Amino acid sequence: MAENKKGVPWYLWPFWLIYQITLGILKITGRLLGAVLGLVILALGVLLCATVIGAILGVPLVILGVMLMVRSLF
């Protein structure tokens, strides 16, 4: 019998990828260090958003930092 695996829809793939990266970081570092790392990544993203060119990298870093902190707490 063939398994009926359902994949992630293409339009949700970027969010799924960020979530998987977050889970991978938390598996490696642990919850407390993951929360601190999320705070550092969040601060770095906010600093990069101060410039127009840096906003291209800053916004995804802010999202990753927030997701790390939220996932570490819950």
C-alpha atoms as a PDB file:
ATOM      1  CA  MET A   1       0.000   0.000   0.000  1.00  0.00           C
ATOM      2  CA  ALA A   2       1.183   3.467  -0.784  1.00  0.00           C
ATOM      3  CA  GLU A   3       1.113   6.081   1.943  1.00  0.00           C
ATOM      4  CA  ASN A   4      -0.909   9.196   1.307  1.00  0.00           C
ATOM      5  CA  LYS A   5       1.464  11.891   2.571  1.00  0.00           C
ATOM      6  CA  LYS A   6       0.242  15.431   2.415  1.00  0.00           C
ATOM      7  CA  GLY A   7       2.961  18.003   2.011  1.00  0.00           C
ATOM      8  CA  VAL A   8       3.017  21.655   2.853  1.00  0.00           C
ATOM      9  CA  PRO A   9       1.250  23.868   0.299  1.00  0.00           C
ATOM     10  CA  TRP A  10       3.660  26.010  -1.699  1.00  0.00           C
ATOM     11  CA  TYR A  11       2.257  29.283  -0.349  1.00  0.00           C
ATOM     12  CA  LEU A  12       2.869  28.223   3.276  1.00  0.00           C
ATOM     13  CA  TRP A  13       6.372  26.877   2.621  1.00  0.00           C
ATOM     14  CA  PRO A  14       8.315  29.975   3.821  1.00  0.00           C
ATOM     15  CA  PHE A  15       6.465  29.949   7.157  1.00  0.00           C
ATOM     16  CA  TRP A  16       6.959  26.202   7.519  1.00  0.00           C
ATOM     17  CA  LEU A  17      10.675  26.631   6.821  1.00  0.00           C
ATOM     18  CA  ILE A  18      11.069  29.344   9.472  1.00  0.00           C
ATOM     19  CA  TYR A  19       9.191  27.156  11.956  1.00  0.00           C
ATOM     20  CA  GLN A  20      11.460  24.180  11.203  1.00  0.00           C
ATOM     21  CA  ILE A  21      14.568  26.356  11.626  1.00  0.00           C
ATOM     22  CA  THR A  22      13.189  27.555  14.962  1.00  0.00           C
ATOM     23  CA  LEU A  23      12.599  23.998  16.137  1.00  0.00           C
ATOM     24  CA  GLY A  24      16.082  22.965  15.026  1.00  0.00           C
ATOM     25  CA  ILE A  25      17.729  25.810  16.931  1.00  0.00           C
ATOM     26  CA  LEU A  26      15.754  24.976  20.061  1.00  0.00           C
ATOM     27  CA  LYS A  27      16.685  21.294  19.835  1.00  0.00           C
ATOM     28  CA  ILE A  28      20.360  22.224  19.690  1.00  0.00           C
ATOM     29  CA  THR A  29      20.464  25.031  22.256  1.00  0.00           C
ATOM     30  CA  GLY A  30      17.678  24.395  24.730  1.00  0.00           C
ATOM     31  CA  ARG A  31      14.876  26.660  25.880  1.00  0.00           C
ATOM     32  CA  LEU A  32      16.661  29.288  27.951  1.00  0.00           C
ATOM     33  CA  LEU A  33      19.508  29.777  25.518  1.00  0.00           C
ATOM     34  CA  GLY A  34      16.978  29.737  22.675  1.00  0.00           C
ATOM     35  CA  ALA A  35      15.045  32.591  24.293  1.00  0.00           C
ATOM     36  CA  VAL A  36      18.228  34.617  24.769  1.00  0.00           C
ATOM     37  CA  LEU A  37      19.312  33.865  21.215  1.00  0.00           C
ATOM     38  CA  GLY A  38      15.853  34.920  19.989  1.00  0.00           C
ATOM     39  CA  LEU A  39      16.194  38.221  21.843  1.00  0.00           C
ATOM     40  CA  VAL A  40      19.612  38.847  20.302  1.00  0.00           C
ATOM     41  CA  ILE A  41      18.352  38.012  16.799  1.00  0.00           C
ATOM     42  CA  LEU A  42      15.335  40.263  17.368  1.00  0.00           C
ATOM     43  CA  ALA A  43      17.556  43.180  18.447  1.00  0.00           C
ATOM     44  CA  LEU A  44      19.846  42.638  15.458  1.00  0.00           C
ATOM     45  CA  GLY A  45      16.849  42.649  13.123  1.00  0.00           C
ATOM     46  CA  VAL A  46      15.517  45.874  14.625  1.00  0.00           C
ATOM     47  CA  LEU A  47      18.923  47.522  14.228  1.00  0.00           C
ATOM     48  CA  LEU A  48      19.117  46.427  10.609  1.00  0.00           C
ATOM     49  CA  CYS A  49      15.635  47.811   9.949  1.00  0.00           C
ATOM     50  CA  ALA A  50      16.973  51.287  10.725  1.00  0.00           C
ATOM     51  CA  THR A  51      18.424  51.408   7.217  1.00  0.00           C
ATOM     52  CA  VAL A  52      16.416  50.854   4.064  1.00  0.00           C
ATOM     53  CA  ILE A  53      18.851  48.324   2.610  1.00  0.00           C
ATOM     54  CA  GLY A  54      19.177  46.516   5.943  1.00  0.00           C
ATOM     55  CA  ALA A  55      15.403  46.098   6.160  1.00  0.00           C
ATOM     56  CA  ILE A  56      15.641  43.356   3.557  1.00  0.00           C
ATOM     57  CA  LEU A  57      17.502  41.223   6.112  1.00  0.00           C
ATOM     58  CA  GLY A  58      16.092  42.893   9.218  1.00  0.00           C
ATOM     59  CA  VAL A  59      12.450  41.923   8.803  1.00  0.00           C
ATOM     60  CA  PRO A  60      13.108  38.167   8.481  1.00  0.00           C
ATOM     61  CA  LEU A  61      15.484  38.352  11.456  1.00  0.00           C
ATOM     62  CA  VAL A  62      12.788  40.046  13.543  1.00  0.00           C
ATOM     63  CA  ILE A  63      10.307  37.328  12.581  1.00  0.00           C
ATOM     64  CA  LEU A  64      12.808  34.571  13.403  1.00  0.00           C
ATOM     65  CA  GLY A  65      13.684  36.199  16.736  1.00  0.00           C
ATOM     66  CA  VAL A  66      10.048  36.522  17.764  1.00  0.00           C
ATOM     67  CA  MET A  67       9.316  32.937  16.755  1.00  0.00           C
ATOM     68  CA  LEU A  68      12.307  31.680  18.744  1.00  0.00           C
ATOM     69  CA  MET A  69      11.226  33.573  21.837  1.00  0.00           C
ATOM     70  CA  VAL A  70       7.594  32.466  21.592  1.00  0.00           C
ATOM     71  CA  ARG A  71       8.556  28.839  20.933  1.00  0.00           C
ATOM     72  CA  SER A  72      10.986  28.910  23.876  1.00  0.00           C
ATOM     73  CA  LEU A  73       8.311  30.111  26.263  1.00  0.00           C
ATOM     74  CA  PHE A  74       5.522  27.752  25.234  1.00  0.00           C
END
